[in-house]
mmCIF file of all heavy atoms, coordinates in Angstrom:
data_MODEL
# 
_entry.id   MODEL 
# 
loop_
_atom_site.group_PDB 
_atom_site.id 
_atom_site.type_symbol 
_atom_site.label_atom_id 
_atom_site.label_alt_id 
_atom_site.label_comp_id 
_atom_site.label_asym_id 
_atom_site.label_entity_id 
_atom_site.label_seq_id 
_atom_site.pdbx_PDB_ins_code 
_atom_site.Cartn_x 
_atom_site.Cartn_y 
_atom_site.Cartn_z 
_atom_site.occupancy 
_atom_site.B_iso_or_equiv 
_atom_site.pdbx_formal_charge 
_atom_site.auth_seq_id 
_atom_site.auth_comp_id 
_atom_site.auth_asym_id 
_atom_site.auth_atom_id 
_atom_site.pdbx_PDB_model_num 
ATOM 1   N N   . LEU A 1 1  ? 8.272   -8.717  1.357   1.00 0.00 ? 1  LEU A N   1 
ATOM 2   C CA  . LEU A 1 1  ? 7.372   -8.702  0.218   1.00 0.00 ? 1  LEU A CA  1 
ATOM 3   C C   . LEU A 1 1  ? 6.949   -7.273  -0.084  1.00 0.00 ? 1  LEU A C   1 
ATOM 4   O O   . LEU A 1 1  ? 6.449   -6.579  0.818   1.00 0.00 ? 1  LEU A O   1 
ATOM 5   C CB  . LEU A 1 1  ? 6.149   -9.569  0.502   1.00 0.00 ? 1  LEU A CB  1 
ATOM 6   C CG  . LEU A 1 1  ? 5.117   -9.691  -0.645  1.00 0.00 ? 1  LEU A CG  1 
ATOM 7   C CD1 . LEU A 1 1  ? 5.713   -10.445 -1.851  1.00 0.00 ? 1  LEU A CD1 1 
ATOM 8   C CD2 . LEU A 1 1  ? 3.874   -10.426 -0.134  1.00 0.00 ? 1  LEU A CD2 1 
ATOM 9   N N   . LEU A 1 2  ? 7.175   -6.830  -1.302  1.00 0.00 ? 2  LEU A N   1 
ATOM 10  C CA  . LEU A 1 2  ? 6.749   -5.500  -1.746  1.00 0.00 ? 2  LEU A CA  1 
ATOM 11  C C   . LEU A 1 2  ? 5.452   -5.643  -2.533  1.00 0.00 ? 2  LEU A C   1 
ATOM 12  O O   . LEU A 1 2  ? 5.415   -6.308  -3.554  1.00 0.00 ? 2  LEU A O   1 
ATOM 13  C CB  . LEU A 1 2  ? 7.818   -4.858  -2.651  1.00 0.00 ? 2  LEU A CB  1 
ATOM 14  C CG  . LEU A 1 2  ? 9.263   -4.835  -2.124  1.00 0.00 ? 2  LEU A CG  1 
ATOM 15  C CD1 . LEU A 1 2  ? 10.189  -4.252  -3.174  1.00 0.00 ? 2  LEU A CD1 1 
ATOM 16  C CD2 . LEU A 1 2  ? 9.359   -4.074  -0.800  1.00 0.00 ? 2  LEU A CD2 1 
ATOM 17  N N   . LEU A 1 3  ? 4.393   -5.028  -2.052  1.00 0.00 ? 3  LEU A N   1 
ATOM 18  C CA  . LEU A 1 3  ? 3.077   -5.115  -2.693  1.00 0.00 ? 3  LEU A CA  1 
ATOM 19  C C   . LEU A 1 3  ? 2.696   -3.732  -3.215  1.00 0.00 ? 3  LEU A C   1 
ATOM 20  O O   . LEU A 1 3  ? 2.526   -2.801  -2.442  1.00 0.00 ? 3  LEU A O   1 
ATOM 21  C CB  . LEU A 1 3  ? 2.031   -5.602  -1.695  1.00 0.00 ? 3  LEU A CB  1 
ATOM 22  C CG  . LEU A 1 3  ? 2.023   -7.080  -1.317  1.00 0.00 ? 3  LEU A CG  1 
ATOM 23  C CD1 . LEU A 1 3  ? 1.122   -7.305  -0.092  1.00 0.00 ? 3  LEU A CD1 1 
ATOM 24  C CD2 . LEU A 1 3  ? 1.523   -7.892  -2.478  1.00 0.00 ? 3  LEU A CD2 1 
ATOM 25  N N   . ASP A 1 4  ? 2.546   -3.640  -4.526  1.00 0.00 ? 4  ASP A N   1 
ATOM 26  C CA  . ASP A 1 4  ? 2.238   -2.346  -5.162  1.00 0.00 ? 4  ASP A CA  1 
ATOM 27  C C   . ASP A 1 4  ? 0.805   -2.355  -5.674  1.00 0.00 ? 4  ASP A C   1 
ATOM 28  O O   . ASP A 1 4  ? 0.512   -3.003  -6.697  1.00 0.00 ? 4  ASP A O   1 
ATOM 29  C CB  . ASP A 1 4  ? 3.215   -2.074  -6.316  1.00 0.00 ? 4  ASP A CB  1 
ATOM 30  C CG  . ASP A 1 4  ? 3.190   -0.630  -6.772  1.00 0.00 ? 4  ASP A CG  1 
ATOM 31  O OD1 . ASP A 1 4  ? 2.337   0.135   -6.298  1.00 0.00 ? 4  ASP A OD1 1 
ATOM 32  O OD2 . ASP A 1 4  ? 4.002   -0.261  -7.632  1.00 0.00 ? 4  ASP A OD2 1 
ATOM 33  N N   . GLU A 1 5  ? -0.084  -1.669  -4.986  1.00 0.00 ? 5  GLU A N   1 
ATOM 34  C CA  . GLU A 1 5  ? -1.484  -1.522  -5.351  1.00 0.00 ? 5  GLU A CA  1 
ATOM 35  C C   . GLU A 1 5  ? -2.177  -2.870  -5.592  1.00 0.00 ? 5  GLU A C   1 
ATOM 36  O O   . GLU A 1 5  ? -2.771  -3.126  -6.652  1.00 0.00 ? 5  GLU A O   1 
ATOM 37  C CB  . GLU A 1 5  ? -1.619  -0.658  -6.632  1.00 0.00 ? 5  GLU A CB  1 
ATOM 38  C CG  . GLU A 1 5  ? -0.990  0.706   -6.532  1.00 0.00 ? 5  GLU A CG  1 
ATOM 39  C CD  . GLU A 1 5  ? -1.792  1.674   -5.660  1.00 0.00 ? 5  GLU A CD  1 
ATOM 40  O OE1 . GLU A 1 5  ? -2.759  1.238   -5.021  1.00 0.00 ? 5  GLU A OE1 1 
ATOM 41  O OE2 . GLU A 1 5  ? -1.415  2.852   -5.586  1.00 0.00 ? 5  GLU A OE2 1 
ATOM 42  N N   . PRO A 1 6  ? -2.164  -3.777  -4.608  1.00 0.00 ? 6  PRO A N   1 
ATOM 43  C CA  . PRO A 1 6  ? -2.788  -5.091  -4.818  1.00 0.00 ? 6  PRO A CA  1 
ATOM 44  C C   . PRO A 1 6  ? -4.291  -5.078  -5.004  1.00 0.00 ? 6  PRO A C   1 
ATOM 45  O O   . PRO A 1 6  ? -4.866  -6.027  -5.552  1.00 0.00 ? 6  PRO A O   1 
ATOM 46  C CB  . PRO A 1 6  ? -2.390  -5.861  -3.552  1.00 0.00 ? 6  PRO A CB  1 
ATOM 47  C CG  . PRO A 1 6  ? -2.146  -4.813  -2.525  1.00 0.00 ? 6  PRO A CG  1 
ATOM 48  C CD  . PRO A 1 6  ? -1.557  -3.655  -3.256  1.00 0.00 ? 6  PRO A CD  1 
ATOM 49  N N   . SER A 1 7  ? -4.979  -4.008  -4.548  1.00 0.00 ? 7  SER A N   1 
ATOM 50  C CA  . SER A 1 7  ? -6.436  -3.988  -4.691  1.00 0.00 ? 7  SER A CA  1 
ATOM 51  C C   . SER A 1 7  ? -6.911  -3.237  -5.944  1.00 0.00 ? 7  SER A C   1 
ATOM 52  O O   . SER A 1 7  ? -8.118  -3.147  -6.190  1.00 0.00 ? 7  SER A O   1 
ATOM 53  C CB  . SER A 1 7  ? -7.081  -3.326  -3.439  1.00 0.00 ? 7  SER A CB  1 
ATOM 54  O OG  . SER A 1 7  ? -6.925  -1.927  -3.464  1.00 0.00 ? 7  SER A OG  1 
ATOM 55  N N   . MET A 1 8  ? -5.970  -2.763  -6.768  1.00 0.00 ? 8  MET A N   1 
ATOM 56  C CA  . MET A 1 8  ? -6.344  -1.935  -7.906  1.00 0.00 ? 8  MET A CA  1 
ATOM 57  C C   . MET A 1 8  ? -7.267  -2.706  -8.860  1.00 0.00 ? 8  MET A C   1 
ATOM 58  O O   . MET A 1 8  ? -6.952  -3.793  -9.303  1.00 0.00 ? 8  MET A O   1 
ATOM 59  C CB  . MET A 1 8  ? -5.102  -1.489  -8.667  1.00 0.00 ? 8  MET A CB  1 
ATOM 60  C CG  . MET A 1 8  ? -5.417  -0.677  -9.918  1.00 0.00 ? 8  MET A CG  1 
ATOM 61  S SD  . MET A 1 8  ? -3.893  -0.221  -10.801 1.00 0.00 ? 8  MET A SD  1 
ATOM 62  C CE  . MET A 1 8  ? -3.203  0.993   -9.718  1.00 0.00 ? 8  MET A CE  1 
ATOM 63  N N   . GLY A 1 9  ? -8.417  -2.117  -9.153  1.00 0.00 ? 9  GLY A N   1 
ATOM 64  C CA  . GLY A 1 9  ? -9.339  -2.679  -10.134 1.00 0.00 ? 9  GLY A CA  1 
ATOM 65  C C   . GLY A 1 9  ? -10.119 -3.879  -9.686  1.00 0.00 ? 9  GLY A C   1 
ATOM 66  O O   . GLY A 1 9  ? -10.801 -4.519  -10.505 1.00 0.00 ? 9  GLY A O   1 
ATOM 67  N N   . LEU A 1 10 ? -10.077 -4.207  -8.386  1.00 0.00 ? 10 LEU A N   1 
ATOM 68  C CA  . LEU A 1 10 ? -10.770 -5.402  -7.906  1.00 0.00 ? 10 LEU A CA  1 
ATOM 69  C C   . LEU A 1 10 ? -12.129 -5.042  -7.306  1.00 0.00 ? 10 LEU A C   1 
ATOM 70  O O   . LEU A 1 10 ? -12.332 -3.978  -6.739  1.00 0.00 ? 10 LEU A O   1 
ATOM 71  C CB  . LEU A 1 10 ? -9.929  -6.097  -6.839  1.00 0.00 ? 10 LEU A CB  1 
ATOM 72  C CG  . LEU A 1 10 ? -8.545  -6.575  -7.229  1.00 0.00 ? 10 LEU A CG  1 
ATOM 73  C CD1 . LEU A 1 10 ? -7.930  -7.387  -6.107  1.00 0.00 ? 10 LEU A CD1 1 
ATOM 74  C CD2 . LEU A 1 10 ? -8.570  -7.377  -8.515  1.00 0.00 ? 10 LEU A CD2 1 
ATOM 75  N N   . ALA A 1 11 ? -13.057 -5.991  -7.429  1.00 0.00 ? 11 ALA A N   1 
ATOM 76  C CA  . ALA A 1 11 ? -14.357 -5.839  -6.778  1.00 0.00 ? 11 ALA A CA  1 
ATOM 77  C C   . ALA A 1 11 ? -14.173 -5.850  -5.266  1.00 0.00 ? 11 ALA A C   1 
ATOM 78  O O   . ALA A 1 11 ? -13.208 -6.459  -4.753  1.00 0.00 ? 11 ALA A O   1 
ATOM 79  C CB  . ALA A 1 11 ? -15.261 -6.970  -7.220  1.00 0.00 ? 11 ALA A CB  1 
ATOM 80  N N   . PRO A 1 12 ? -15.094 -5.224  -4.510  1.00 0.00 ? 12 PRO A N   1 
ATOM 81  C CA  . PRO A 1 12 ? -14.921 -5.121  -3.062  1.00 0.00 ? 12 PRO A CA  1 
ATOM 82  C C   . PRO A 1 12 ? -14.728 -6.459  -2.362  1.00 0.00 ? 12 PRO A C   1 
ATOM 83  O O   . PRO A 1 12 ? -13.908 -6.578  -1.428  1.00 0.00 ? 12 PRO A O   1 
ATOM 84  C CB  . PRO A 1 12 ? -16.239 -4.466  -2.596  1.00 0.00 ? 12 PRO A CB  1 
ATOM 85  C CG  . PRO A 1 12 ? -16.657 -3.624  -3.773  1.00 0.00 ? 12 PRO A CG  1 
ATOM 86  C CD  . PRO A 1 12 ? -16.250 -4.429  -4.982  1.00 0.00 ? 12 PRO A CD  1 
ATOM 87  N N   . ASN A 1 13 ? -15.442 -7.519  -2.798  1.00 0.00 ? 13 ASN A N   1 
ATOM 88  C CA  . ASN A 1 13 ? -15.262 -8.810  -2.123  1.00 0.00 ? 13 ASN A CA  1 
ATOM 89  C C   . ASN A 1 13 ? -13.860 -9.379  -2.363  1.00 0.00 ? 13 ASN A C   1 
ATOM 90  O O   . ASN A 1 13 ? -13.283 -10.046 -1.490  1.00 0.00 ? 13 ASN A O   1 
ATOM 91  C CB  . ASN A 1 13 ? -16.328 -9.813  -2.596  1.00 0.00 ? 13 ASN A CB  1 
ATOM 92  C CG  . ASN A 1 13 ? -16.218 -10.149 -4.075  1.00 0.00 ? 13 ASN A CG  1 
ATOM 93  O OD1 . ASN A 1 13 ? -16.002 -9.271  -4.888  1.00 0.00 ? 13 ASN A OD1 1 
ATOM 94  N ND2 . ASN A 1 13 ? -16.342 -11.435 -4.403  1.00 0.00 ? 13 ASN A ND2 1 
ATOM 95  N N   . LEU A 1 14 ? -13.285 -9.115  -3.531  1.00 0.00 ? 14 LEU A N   1 
ATOM 96  C CA  . LEU A 1 14 ? -11.922 -9.567  -3.802  1.00 0.00 ? 14 LEU A CA  1 
ATOM 97  C C   . LEU A 1 14 ? -10.903 -8.737  -3.047  1.00 0.00 ? 14 LEU A C   1 
ATOM 98  O O   . LEU A 1 14 ? -9.856  -9.272  -2.617  1.00 0.00 ? 14 LEU A O   1 
ATOM 99  C CB  . LEU A 1 14 ? -11.641 -9.538  -5.299  1.00 0.00 ? 14 LEU A CB  1 
ATOM 100 C CG  . LEU A 1 14 ? -12.376 -10.594 -6.128  1.00 0.00 ? 14 LEU A CG  1 
ATOM 101 C CD1 . LEU A 1 14 ? -12.103 -10.362 -7.626  1.00 0.00 ? 14 LEU A CD1 1 
ATOM 102 C CD2 . LEU A 1 14 ? -11.947 -11.999 -5.727  1.00 0.00 ? 14 LEU A CD2 1 
ATOM 103 N N   . VAL A 1 15 ? -11.182 -7.456  -2.868  1.00 0.00 ? 15 VAL A N   1 
ATOM 104 C CA  . VAL A 1 15 ? -10.294 -6.630  -2.044  1.00 0.00 ? 15 VAL A CA  1 
ATOM 105 C C   . VAL A 1 15 ? -10.220 -7.191  -0.623  1.00 0.00 ? 15 VAL A C   1 
ATOM 106 O O   . VAL A 1 15 ? -9.140  -7.326  -0.039  1.00 0.00 ? 15 VAL A O   1 
ATOM 107 C CB  . VAL A 1 15 ? -10.811 -5.167  -1.992  1.00 0.00 ? 15 VAL A CB  1 
ATOM 108 C CG1 . VAL A 1 15 ? -9.989  -4.355  -0.983  1.00 0.00 ? 15 VAL A CG1 1 
ATOM 109 C CG2 . VAL A 1 15 ? -10.703 -4.528  -3.377  1.00 0.00 ? 15 VAL A CG2 1 
ATOM 110 N N   . ASP A 1 16 ? -11.374 -7.599  -0.096  1.00 0.00 ? 16 ASP A N   1 
ATOM 111 C CA  . ASP A 1 16 ? -11.401 -8.198  1.252   1.00 0.00 ? 16 ASP A CA  1 
ATOM 112 C C   . ASP A 1 16 ? -10.548 -9.468  1.312   1.00 0.00 ? 16 ASP A C   1 
ATOM 113 O O   . ASP A 1 16 ? -9.863  -9.721  2.284   1.00 0.00 ? 16 ASP A O   1 
ATOM 114 C CB  . ASP A 1 16 ? -12.841 -8.505  1.661   1.00 0.00 ? 16 ASP A CB  1 
ATOM 115 C CG  . ASP A 1 16 ? -13.673 -7.243  1.894   1.00 0.00 ? 16 ASP A CG  1 
ATOM 116 O OD1 . ASP A 1 16 ? -13.054 -6.171  2.065   1.00 0.00 ? 16 ASP A OD1 1 
ATOM 117 O OD2 . ASP A 1 16 ? -14.922 -7.363  1.891   1.00 0.00 ? 16 ASP A OD2 1 
ATOM 118 N N   . GLN A 1 17 ? -10.611 -10.268 0.231   1.00 0.00 ? 17 GLN A N   1 
ATOM 119 C CA  . GLN A 1 17 ? -9.821  -11.486 0.197   1.00 0.00 ? 17 GLN A CA  1 
ATOM 120 C C   . GLN A 1 17 ? -8.333  -11.193 0.171   1.00 0.00 ? 17 GLN A C   1 
ATOM 121 O O   . GLN A 1 17 ? -7.545  -11.838 0.889   1.00 0.00 ? 17 GLN A O   1 
ATOM 122 C CB  . GLN A 1 17 ? -10.199 -12.318 -1.033  1.00 0.00 ? 17 GLN A CB  1 
ATOM 123 C CG  . GLN A 1 17 ? -11.569 -12.981 -0.958  1.00 0.00 ? 17 GLN A CG  1 
ATOM 124 C CD  . GLN A 1 17 ? -11.845 -13.819 -2.188  1.00 0.00 ? 17 GLN A CD  1 
ATOM 125 O OE1 . GLN A 1 17 ? -10.961 -14.493 -2.735  1.00 0.00 ? 17 GLN A OE1 1 
ATOM 126 N NE2 . GLN A 1 17 ? -13.089 -13.770 -2.686  1.00 0.00 ? 17 GLN A NE2 1 
ATOM 127 N N   . VAL A 1 18 ? -7.951  -10.219 -0.652  1.00 0.00 ? 18 VAL A N   1 
ATOM 128 C CA  . VAL A 1 18 ? -6.531  -9.859  -0.729  1.00 0.00 ? 18 VAL A CA  1 
ATOM 129 C C   . VAL A 1 18 ? -6.024  -9.337  0.616   1.00 0.00 ? 18 VAL A C   1 
ATOM 130 O O   . VAL A 1 18 ? -4.939  -9.707  1.095   1.00 0.00 ? 18 VAL A O   1 
ATOM 131 C CB  . VAL A 1 18 ? -6.311  -8.817  -1.842  1.00 0.00 ? 18 VAL A CB  1 
ATOM 132 C CG1 . VAL A 1 18 ? -4.898  -8.222  -1.748  1.00 0.00 ? 18 VAL A CG1 1 
ATOM 133 C CG2 . VAL A 1 18 ? -6.513  -9.451  -3.205  1.00 0.00 ? 18 VAL A CG2 1 
ATOM 134 N N   . ILE A 1 19 ? -6.805  -8.461  1.266   1.00 0.00 ? 19 ILE A N   1 
ATOM 135 C CA  . ILE A 1 19 ? -6.421  -7.924  2.557   1.00 0.00 ? 19 ILE A CA  1 
ATOM 136 C C   . ILE A 1 19 ? -6.291  -9.041  3.589   1.00 0.00 ? 19 ILE A C   1 
ATOM 137 O O   . ILE A 1 19 ? -5.366  -9.050  4.418   1.00 0.00 ? 19 ILE A O   1 
ATOM 138 C CB  . ILE A 1 19 ? -7.427  -6.859  3.036   1.00 0.00 ? 19 ILE A CB  1 
ATOM 139 C CG1 . ILE A 1 19 ? -7.390  -5.631  2.110   1.00 0.00 ? 19 ILE A CG1 1 
ATOM 140 C CG2 . ILE A 1 19 ? -7.165  -6.456  4.477   1.00 0.00 ? 19 ILE A CG2 1 
ATOM 141 C CD1 . ILE A 1 19 ? -6.072  -4.917  2.077   1.00 0.00 ? 19 ILE A CD1 1 
ATOM 142 N N   . ALA A 1 20 ? -7.201  -10.026 3.543   1.00 0.00 ? 20 ALA A N   1 
ATOM 143 C CA  . ALA A 1 20 ? -7.136  -11.138 4.486   1.00 0.00 ? 20 ALA A CA  1 
ATOM 144 C C   . ALA A 1 20 ? -5.866  -11.957 4.266   1.00 0.00 ? 20 ALA A C   1 
ATOM 145 O O   . ALA A 1 20 ? -5.246  -12.406 5.221   1.00 0.00 ? 20 ALA A O   1 
ATOM 146 C CB  . ALA A 1 20 ? -8.387  -12.018 4.336   1.00 0.00 ? 20 ALA A CB  1 
ATOM 147 N N   . VAL A 1 21 ? -5.488  -12.161 2.998   1.00 0.00 ? 21 VAL A N   1 
ATOM 148 C CA  . VAL A 1 21 ? -4.262  -12.895 2.700   1.00 0.00 ? 21 VAL A CA  1 
ATOM 149 C C   . VAL A 1 21 ? -3.044  -12.131 3.217   1.00 0.00 ? 21 VAL A C   1 
ATOM 150 O O   . VAL A 1 21 ? -2.123  -12.735 3.806   1.00 0.00 ? 21 VAL A O   1 
ATOM 151 C CB  . VAL A 1 21 ? -4.148  -13.159 1.195   1.00 0.00 ? 21 VAL A CB  1 
ATOM 152 C CG1 . VAL A 1 21 ? -2.738  -13.627 0.836   1.00 0.00 ? 21 VAL A CG1 1 
ATOM 153 C CG2 . VAL A 1 21 ? -5.162  -14.207 0.757   1.00 0.00 ? 21 VAL A CG2 1 
ATOM 154 N N   . ILE A 1 22 ? -3.016  -10.824 3.010   1.00 0.00 ? 22 ILE A N   1 
ATOM 155 C CA  . ILE A 1 22 ? -1.901  -10.018 3.490   1.00 0.00 ? 22 ILE A CA  1 
ATOM 156 C C   . ILE A 1 22 ? -1.767  -10.147 5.015   1.00 0.00 ? 22 ILE A C   1 
ATOM 157 O O   . ILE A 1 22 ? -0.662  -10.325 5.549   1.00 0.00 ? 22 ILE A O   1 
ATOM 158 C CB  . ILE A 1 22 ? -2.047  -8.543  3.073   1.00 0.00 ? 22 ILE A CB  1 
ATOM 159 C CG1 . ILE A 1 22 ? -1.985  -8.420  1.561   1.00 0.00 ? 22 ILE A CG1 1 
ATOM 160 C CG2 . ILE A 1 22 ? -0.959  -7.679  3.730   1.00 0.00 ? 22 ILE A CG2 1 
ATOM 161 C CD1 . ILE A 1 22 ? -2.356  -7.040  1.051   1.00 0.00 ? 22 ILE A CD1 1 
ATOM 162 N N   . ARG A 1 23 ? -2.898  -10.087 5.682   1.00 0.00 ? 23 ARG A N   1 
ATOM 163 C CA  . ARG A 1 23 ? -2.872  -10.231 7.146   1.00 0.00 ? 23 ARG A CA  1 
ATOM 164 C C   . ARG A 1 23 ? -2.361  -11.607 7.550   1.00 0.00 ? 23 ARG A C   1 
ATOM 165 O O   . ARG A 1 23 ? -1.571  -11.732 8.501   1.00 0.00 ? 23 ARG A O   1 
ATOM 166 C CB  . ARG A 1 23 ? -4.290  -9.999  7.687   1.00 0.00 ? 23 ARG A CB  1 
ATOM 167 C CG  . ARG A 1 23 ? -4.327  -9.728  9.212   1.00 0.00 ? 23 ARG A CG  1 
ATOM 168 C CD  . ARG A 1 23 ? -5.775  -9.811  9.725   1.00 0.00 ? 23 ARG A CD  1 
ATOM 169 N NE  . ARG A 1 23 ? -6.621  -8.861  9.051   1.00 0.00 ? 23 ARG A NE  1 
ATOM 170 C CZ  . ARG A 1 23 ? -6.870  -7.631  9.475   1.00 0.00 ? 23 ARG A CZ  1 
ATOM 171 N NH1 . ARG A 1 23 ? -6.269  -7.192  10.564  1.00 0.00 ? 23 ARG A NH1 1 
ATOM 172 N NH2 . ARG A 1 23 ? -7.705  -6.829  8.830   1.00 0.00 ? 23 ARG A NH2 1 
ATOM 173 N N   . SER A 1 24 ? -2.790  -12.662 6.840   1.00 0.00 ? 24 SER A N   1 
ATOM 174 C CA  . SER A 1 24 ? -2.332  -14.018 7.198   1.00 0.00 ? 24 SER A CA  1 
ATOM 175 C C   . SER A 1 24 ? -0.840  -14.193 6.942   1.00 0.00 ? 24 SER A C   1 
ATOM 176 O O   . SER A 1 24 ? -0.161  -14.901 7.675   1.00 0.00 ? 24 SER A O   1 
ATOM 177 C CB  . SER A 1 24 ? -3.140  -15.035 6.416   1.00 0.00 ? 24 SER A CB  1 
ATOM 178 O OG  . SER A 1 24 ? -2.806  -15.057 5.025   1.00 0.00 ? 24 SER A OG  1 
ATOM 179 N N   . LEU A 1 25 ? -0.305  -13.535 5.874   1.00 0.00 ? 25 LEU A N   1 
ATOM 180 C CA  . LEU A 1 25 ? 1.119   -13.600 5.592   1.00 0.00 ? 25 LEU A CA  1 
ATOM 181 C C   . LEU A 1 25 ? 1.919   -12.971 6.710   1.00 0.00 ? 25 LEU A C   1 
ATOM 182 O O   . LEU A 1 25 ? 2.993   -13.473 7.115   1.00 0.00 ? 25 LEU A O   1 
ATOM 183 C CB  . LEU A 1 25 ? 1.441   -12.967 4.259   1.00 0.00 ? 25 LEU A CB  1 
ATOM 184 C CG  . LEU A 1 25 ? 0.899   -13.672 3.025   1.00 0.00 ? 25 LEU A CG  1 
ATOM 185 C CD1 . LEU A 1 25 ? 1.127   -12.826 1.772   1.00 0.00 ? 25 LEU A CD1 1 
ATOM 186 C CD2 . LEU A 1 25 ? 1.543   -15.045 2.865   1.00 0.00 ? 25 LEU A CD2 1 
ATOM 187 N N   . LYS A 1 26 ? 1.417   -11.858 7.221   1.00 0.00 ? 26 LYS A N   1 
ATOM 188 C CA  . LYS A 1 26 ? 2.096   -11.229 8.368   1.00 0.00 ? 26 LYS A CA  1 
ATOM 189 C C   . LYS A 1 26 ? 2.089   -12.169 9.577   1.00 0.00 ? 26 LYS A C   1 
ATOM 190 O O   . LYS A 1 26 ? 3.071   -12.299 10.295  1.00 0.00 ? 26 LYS A O   1 
ATOM 191 C CB  . LYS A 1 26 ? 1.434   -9.912  8.724   1.00 0.00 ? 26 LYS A CB  1 
ATOM 192 C CG  . LYS A 1 26 ? 2.217   -9.188  9.843   1.00 0.00 ? 26 LYS A CG  1 
ATOM 193 C CD  . LYS A 1 26 ? 1.370   -8.250  10.627  1.00 0.00 ? 26 LYS A CD  1 
ATOM 194 C CE  . LYS A 1 26 ? 2.197   -7.704  11.786  1.00 0.00 ? 26 LYS A CE  1 
ATOM 195 N NZ  . LYS A 1 26 ? 1.450   -6.788  12.643  1.00 0.00 ? 26 LYS A NZ  1 
# 
């Protein structure tokens, strides 16, 4: 999976959600 700037323009709480999903995918 290639992820290009997944947190761009997101509020901090949504950034945390995206990072958590990336970790779970790994």
